[in-house]
Amino acid sequence: MTTGFWALSLAALSPGCTPFPDIDTTEPAREVPAIYPRLIPIDPLLVPEQDPRVTPQLAGAIDASGATLRARAVSPVPAGDETSGFEARAAILRQKAAALKARSE
């Protein structure tokens, strides 16, 4: 017990023996200038109508996909099922378990 205490105290106090860095010195100038990324205006990126890659068909497909995902997020219950909440999730898991069991047999 005492050996562990002394070892722990020695480990805790040893960083105090290191020399403190000199704060008043300055960083020497770099010979190679830093390479910064090219800055571009953000306004054209925020307006989707100005992007020539977005066709009306692509925009419609993205909107339809978003609507489908929002509908799934709002209602995890399959259509025609009157159960809600925990019962709905349990029913879905039972259906998946039955399908997996049938596939393995």
N, C-alpha and C. Protein backbone atom coordinates (compact mmCIF):
# COMPACT_ATOMS: atom_id res chain seq x y z
N MET A 1 0.83 -1.19 0.00
CA MET A 1 0.00 0.00 0.00
C MET A 1 0.88 1.26 0.00
N THR A 2 1.90 1.27 0.85
CA THR A 2 2.76 2.45 0.92
C THR A 2 3.61 2.59 -0.33
N THR A 3 3.99 1.46 -0.93
CA THR A 3 4.78 1.53 -2.17
C THR A 3 3.95 2.15 -3.28
N GLY A 4 2.68 1.76 -3.36
CA GLY A 4 1.79 2.33 -4.37
C GLY A 4 1.58 3.81 -4.15
N PHE A 5 1.46 4.22 -2.89
CA PHE A 5 1.29 5.63 -2.57
C PHE A 5 2.49 6.44 -3.02
N TRP A 6 3.70 5.95 -2.71
CA TRP A 6 4.91 6.67 -3.09
C TRP A 6 5.08 6.70 -4.61
N ALA A 7 4.74 5.62 -5.26
CA ALA A 7 4.85 5.59 -6.72
C ALA A 7 3.87 6.56 -7.35
N LEU A 8 2.66 6.60 -6.82
CA LEU A 8 1.64 7.52 -7.34
C LEU A 8 2.04 8.97 -7.08
N SER A 9 2.53 9.26 -5.89
CA SER A 9 2.93 10.63 -5.59
C SER A 9 4.14 11.04 -6.43
N LEU A 10 5.08 10.14 -6.67
CA LEU A 10 6.22 10.45 -7.52
C LEU A 10 5.76 10.73 -8.96
N ALA A 11 4.82 9.92 -9.45
CA ALA A 11 4.30 10.13 -10.81
C ALA A 11 3.52 11.43 -10.90
N ALA A 12 2.82 11.80 -9.83
CA ALA A 12 2.03 13.03 -9.85
C ALA A 12 2.91 14.26 -9.75
N LEU A 13 4.02 14.18 -9.04
CA LEU A 13 4.87 15.35 -8.84
C LEU A 13 5.96 15.49 -9.89
N SER A 14 6.24 14.47 -10.66
CA SER A 14 7.33 14.54 -11.64
C SER A 14 7.11 15.58 -12.73
N PRO A 15 5.87 15.88 -13.19
CA PRO A 15 5.74 16.95 -14.19
C PRO A 15 6.17 18.31 -13.68
N GLY A 16 6.19 18.50 -12.36
CA GLY A 16 6.63 19.77 -11.80
C GLY A 16 8.12 20.01 -11.96
N CYS A 17 8.87 19.00 -12.30
CA CYS A 17 10.33 19.13 -12.45
C CYS A 17 10.72 19.57 -13.85
N THR A 18 9.83 19.59 -14.78
CA THR A 18 10.17 19.98 -16.14
C THR A 18 10.31 21.49 -16.22
N PRO A 19 11.18 21.99 -17.09
CA PRO A 19 11.35 23.44 -17.20
C PRO A 19 10.13 24.08 -17.85
N PHE A 20 9.80 25.25 -17.39
CA PHE A 20 8.66 25.99 -17.94
C PHE A 20 9.06 26.57 -19.29
N PRO A 21 8.21 26.48 -20.31
CA PRO A 21 8.59 27.01 -21.63
C PRO A 21 8.71 28.53 -21.59
N ASP A 22 9.62 29.04 -22.40
CA ASP A 22 9.85 30.48 -22.46
C ASP A 22 8.75 31.11 -23.30
N ILE A 23 7.94 31.96 -22.69
CA ILE A 23 6.79 32.54 -23.37
C ILE A 23 7.18 33.75 -24.20
N ASP A 24 8.24 34.44 -23.82
CA ASP A 24 8.60 35.69 -24.49
C ASP A 24 9.25 35.49 -25.85
N THR A 25 9.66 34.30 -26.20
CA THR A 25 10.29 34.08 -27.50
C THR A 25 9.23 34.06 -28.58
N THR A 26 9.64 34.43 -29.78
CA THR A 26 8.73 34.44 -30.92
C THR A 26 9.03 33.26 -31.83
N GLU A 27 8.04 32.89 -32.59
CA GLU A 27 8.17 31.79 -33.55
C GLU A 27 8.98 32.31 -34.74
N PRO A 28 9.99 31.57 -35.18
CA PRO A 28 10.75 32.03 -36.36
C PRO A 28 9.86 32.01 -37.60
N ALA A 29 10.15 32.95 -38.50
CA ALA A 29 9.36 33.05 -39.73
C ALA A 29 9.53 31.79 -40.57
N ARG A 30 8.46 31.36 -41.18
CA ARG A 30 8.51 30.17 -42.03
C ARG A 30 9.02 30.56 -43.41
N GLU A 31 9.83 29.69 -43.96
CA GLU A 31 10.37 29.96 -45.29
C GLU A 31 9.34 29.68 -46.38
N VAL A 32 8.49 28.69 -46.15
CA VAL A 32 7.48 28.32 -47.14
C VAL A 32 6.15 28.93 -46.69
N PRO A 33 5.52 29.75 -47.54
CA PRO A 33 4.22 30.32 -47.15
C PRO A 33 3.16 29.22 -47.06
N ALA A 34 2.22 29.43 -46.19
CA ALA A 34 1.15 28.46 -46.02
C ALA A 34 0.25 28.46 -47.25
N ILE A 35 -0.25 27.29 -47.58
CA ILE A 35 -1.15 27.14 -48.73
C ILE A 35 -2.58 27.16 -48.20
N TYR A 36 -3.32 28.19 -48.55
CA TYR A 36 -4.68 28.33 -48.09
C TYR A 36 -5.64 27.88 -49.20
N PRO A 37 -6.80 27.36 -48.84
CA PRO A 37 -7.76 26.96 -49.88
C PRO A 37 -8.32 28.19 -50.59
N ARG A 38 -8.76 27.96 -51.80
CA ARG A 38 -9.35 29.04 -52.59
C ARG A 38 -10.72 29.36 -52.02
N LEU A 39 -11.02 30.62 -51.79
CA LEU A 39 -12.30 31.03 -51.25
C LEU A 39 -13.26 31.28 -52.41
N ILE A 40 -14.48 30.79 -52.27
CA ILE A 40 -15.50 31.01 -53.29
C ILE A 40 -16.73 31.59 -52.60
N PRO A 41 -17.54 32.34 -53.33
CA PRO A 41 -18.75 32.89 -52.72
C PRO A 41 -19.75 31.77 -52.40
N ILE A 42 -20.44 31.90 -51.29
CA ILE A 42 -21.36 30.85 -50.85
C ILE A 42 -22.77 31.04 -51.41
N ASP A 43 -23.10 32.25 -51.84
CA ASP A 43 -24.46 32.52 -52.32
C ASP A 43 -24.91 31.60 -53.45
N PRO A 44 -24.09 31.33 -54.47
CA PRO A 44 -24.54 30.42 -55.53
C PRO A 44 -24.77 28.99 -55.02
N LEU A 45 -24.08 28.61 -53.96
CA LEU A 45 -24.26 27.26 -53.44
C LEU A 45 -25.57 27.11 -52.67
N LEU A 46 -26.09 28.20 -52.15
CA LEU A 46 -27.32 28.15 -51.36
C LEU A 46 -28.59 28.20 -52.20
N VAL A 47 -28.49 28.57 -53.47
CA VAL A 47 -29.65 28.67 -54.34
C VAL A 47 -29.68 27.45 -55.25
N PRO A 48 -30.60 26.48 -55.02
CA PRO A 48 -30.59 25.26 -55.82
C PRO A 48 -31.03 25.48 -57.27
N GLU A 49 -31.76 26.55 -57.56
CA GLU A 49 -32.23 26.76 -58.93
C GLU A 49 -31.09 27.10 -59.88
N GLN A 50 -29.97 27.59 -59.35
CA GLN A 50 -28.87 27.99 -60.21
C GLN A 50 -27.92 26.84 -60.53
N ASP A 51 -28.12 25.68 -59.92
CA ASP A 51 -27.25 24.54 -60.19
C ASP A 51 -27.69 23.87 -61.49
N PRO A 52 -26.85 23.87 -62.53
CA PRO A 52 -27.26 23.30 -63.82
C PRO A 52 -27.42 21.78 -63.79
N ARG A 53 -26.87 21.11 -62.78
CA ARG A 53 -26.99 19.65 -62.71
C ARG A 53 -28.36 19.20 -62.21
N VAL A 54 -29.11 20.09 -61.58
CA VAL A 54 -30.41 19.73 -61.02
C VAL A 54 -31.47 19.93 -62.10
N THR A 55 -31.96 18.82 -62.61
CA THR A 55 -33.03 18.87 -63.61
C THR A 55 -34.37 18.77 -62.90
N PRO A 56 -35.46 19.12 -63.57
CA PRO A 56 -36.77 18.99 -62.93
C PRO A 56 -37.08 17.54 -62.53
N GLN A 57 -36.61 16.58 -63.32
CA GLN A 57 -36.85 15.18 -62.98
C GLN A 57 -36.10 14.80 -61.70
N LEU A 58 -34.85 15.24 -61.60
CA LEU A 58 -34.06 14.95 -60.41
C LEU A 58 -34.66 15.62 -59.18
N ALA A 59 -35.08 16.87 -59.32
CA ALA A 59 -35.69 17.58 -58.20
C ALA A 59 -36.97 16.89 -57.76
N GLY A 60 -37.78 16.40 -58.71
CA GLY A 60 -39.00 15.68 -58.37
C GLY A 60 -38.70 14.37 -57.66
N ALA A 61 -37.67 13.68 -58.11
CA ALA A 61 -37.30 12.41 -57.47
C ALA A 61 -36.81 12.65 -56.05
N ILE A 62 -36.04 13.70 -55.85
CA ILE A 62 -35.54 14.01 -54.50
C ILE A 62 -36.70 14.41 -53.59
N ASP A 63 -37.62 15.23 -54.11
CA ASP A 63 -38.78 15.61 -53.30
C ASP A 63 -39.64 14.41 -52.94
N ALA A 64 -39.84 13.48 -53.88
CA ALA A 64 -40.63 12.29 -53.61
C ALA A 64 -39.94 11.40 -52.58
N SER A 65 -38.63 11.28 -52.68
CA SER A 65 -37.89 10.49 -51.72
C SER A 65 -37.97 11.12 -50.32
N GLY A 66 -37.86 12.43 -50.26
CA GLY A 66 -37.99 13.12 -48.98
C GLY A 66 -39.37 12.95 -48.37
N ALA A 67 -40.41 13.02 -49.21
CA ALA A 67 -41.77 12.84 -48.71
C ALA A 67 -41.96 11.42 -48.18
N THR A 68 -41.40 10.44 -48.86
CA THR A 68 -41.50 9.05 -48.40
C THR A 68 -40.80 8.88 -47.06
N LEU A 69 -39.61 9.45 -46.92
CA LEU A 69 -38.88 9.34 -45.67
C LEU A 69 -39.59 10.06 -44.53
N ARG A 70 -40.16 11.24 -44.82
CA ARG A 70 -40.91 11.95 -43.78
C ARG A 70 -42.14 11.15 -43.35
N ALA A 71 -42.81 10.51 -44.30
CA ALA A 71 -43.99 9.70 -43.96
C ALA A 71 -43.59 8.51 -43.11
N ARG A 72 -42.47 7.89 -43.43
CA ARG A 72 -42.00 6.76 -42.61
C ARG A 72 -41.61 7.20 -41.22
N ALA A 73 -41.04 8.40 -41.10
CA ALA A 73 -40.62 8.89 -39.79
C ALA A 73 -41.82 9.23 -38.92
N VAL A 74 -42.89 9.71 -39.52
CA VAL A 74 -44.08 10.09 -38.76
C VAL A 74 -44.85 8.86 -38.32
N SER A 75 -45.00 7.88 -39.20
CA SER A 75 -45.83 6.73 -38.90
C SER A 75 -45.07 5.44 -39.17
N PRO A 76 -44.45 4.84 -38.13
CA PRO A 76 -43.76 3.58 -38.35
C PRO A 76 -44.71 2.39 -38.45
N VAL A 77 -46.01 2.64 -38.30
CA VAL A 77 -47.00 1.56 -38.34
C VAL A 77 -47.36 1.27 -39.80
N PRO A 78 -47.40 0.00 -40.20
CA PRO A 78 -47.82 -0.32 -41.56
C PRO A 78 -49.26 0.13 -41.81
N ALA A 79 -49.59 0.43 -43.06
CA ALA A 79 -50.93 0.91 -43.40
C ALA A 79 -51.96 -0.15 -43.06
N GLY A 80 -53.08 0.29 -42.49
CA GLY A 80 -54.16 -0.62 -42.14
C GLY A 80 -54.04 -1.22 -40.76
N ASP A 81 -52.97 -0.93 -40.04
CA ASP A 81 -52.78 -1.48 -38.70
C ASP A 81 -53.21 -0.43 -37.69
N GLU A 82 -54.16 -0.77 -36.82
CA GLU A 82 -54.69 0.20 -35.86
C GLU A 82 -53.89 0.28 -34.57
N THR A 83 -52.91 -0.59 -34.37
CA THR A 83 -52.10 -0.54 -33.16
C THR A 83 -51.16 0.64 -33.22
N SER A 84 -50.66 1.07 -32.09
CA SER A 84 -49.76 2.21 -32.09
C SER A 84 -48.67 2.00 -31.06
N GLY A 85 -47.60 2.78 -31.20
CA GLY A 85 -46.54 2.79 -30.22
C GLY A 85 -45.81 1.46 -30.09
N PHE A 86 -45.72 1.01 -28.85
CA PHE A 86 -44.97 -0.21 -28.54
C PHE A 86 -45.56 -1.43 -29.24
N GLU A 87 -46.89 -1.52 -29.26
CA GLU A 87 -47.52 -2.69 -29.91
C GLU A 87 -47.18 -2.74 -31.39
N ALA A 88 -47.14 -1.59 -32.04
CA ALA A 88 -46.83 -1.57 -33.47
C ALA A 88 -45.40 -2.05 -33.72
N ARG A 89 -44.47 -1.57 -32.91
CA ARG A 89 -43.08 -2.02 -33.08
C ARG A 89 -42.95 -3.51 -32.80
N ALA A 90 -43.65 -3.97 -31.76
CA ALA A 90 -43.61 -5.39 -31.43
C ALA A 90 -44.20 -6.22 -32.57
N ALA A 91 -45.28 -5.74 -33.18
CA ALA A 91 -45.89 -6.47 -34.29
C ALA A 91 -44.95 -6.54 -35.48
N ILE A 92 -44.27 -5.45 -35.77
CA ILE A 92 -43.31 -5.43 -36.89
C ILE A 92 -42.17 -6.39 -36.61
N LEU A 93 -41.67 -6.39 -35.38
CA LEU A 93 -40.57 -7.31 -35.05
C LEU A 93 -41.03 -8.76 -35.10
N ARG A 94 -42.26 -9.03 -34.69
CA ARG A 94 -42.79 -10.41 -34.80
C ARG A 94 -42.87 -10.85 -36.25
N GLN A 95 -43.31 -9.93 -37.13
CA GLN A 95 -43.39 -10.26 -38.56
C GLN A 95 -42.00 -10.55 -39.12
N LYS A 96 -41.04 -9.75 -38.75
CA LYS A 96 -39.67 -9.98 -39.24
C LYS A 96 -39.12 -11.30 -38.70
N ALA A 97 -39.40 -11.61 -37.43
CA ALA A 97 -38.92 -12.84 -36.84
C ALA A 97 -39.55 -14.05 -37.53
N ALA A 98 -40.84 -13.95 -37.83
CA ALA A 98 -41.52 -15.06 -38.51
C ALA A 98 -40.95 -15.25 -39.92
N ALA A 99 -40.64 -14.14 -40.60
CA ALA A 99 -40.08 -14.24 -41.95
C ALA A 99 -38.68 -14.88 -41.89
N LEU A 100 -37.87 -14.48 -40.92
CA LEU A 100 -36.55 -15.08 -40.78
C LEU A 100 -36.63 -16.55 -40.40
N LYS A 101 -37.57 -16.88 -39.55
CA LYS A 101 -37.74 -18.28 -39.13
C LYS A 101 -38.18 -19.14 -40.31
N ALA A 102 -39.11 -18.60 -41.12
CA ALA A 102 -39.58 -19.33 -42.30
C ALA A 102 -38.47 -19.51 -43.32
N ARG A 103 -37.61 -18.52 -43.45
CA ARG A 103 -36.51 -18.61 -44.41
C ARG A 103 -35.46 -19.62 -43.96
N SER A 104 -35.24 -19.75 -42.66
CA SER A 104 -34.21 -20.67 -42.17
C SER A 104 -34.67 -22.11 -42.17
N GLU A 105 -35.96 -22.35 -42.23
CA GLU A 105 -36.48 -23.73 -42.19
C GLU A 105 -36.49 -24.38 -43.54
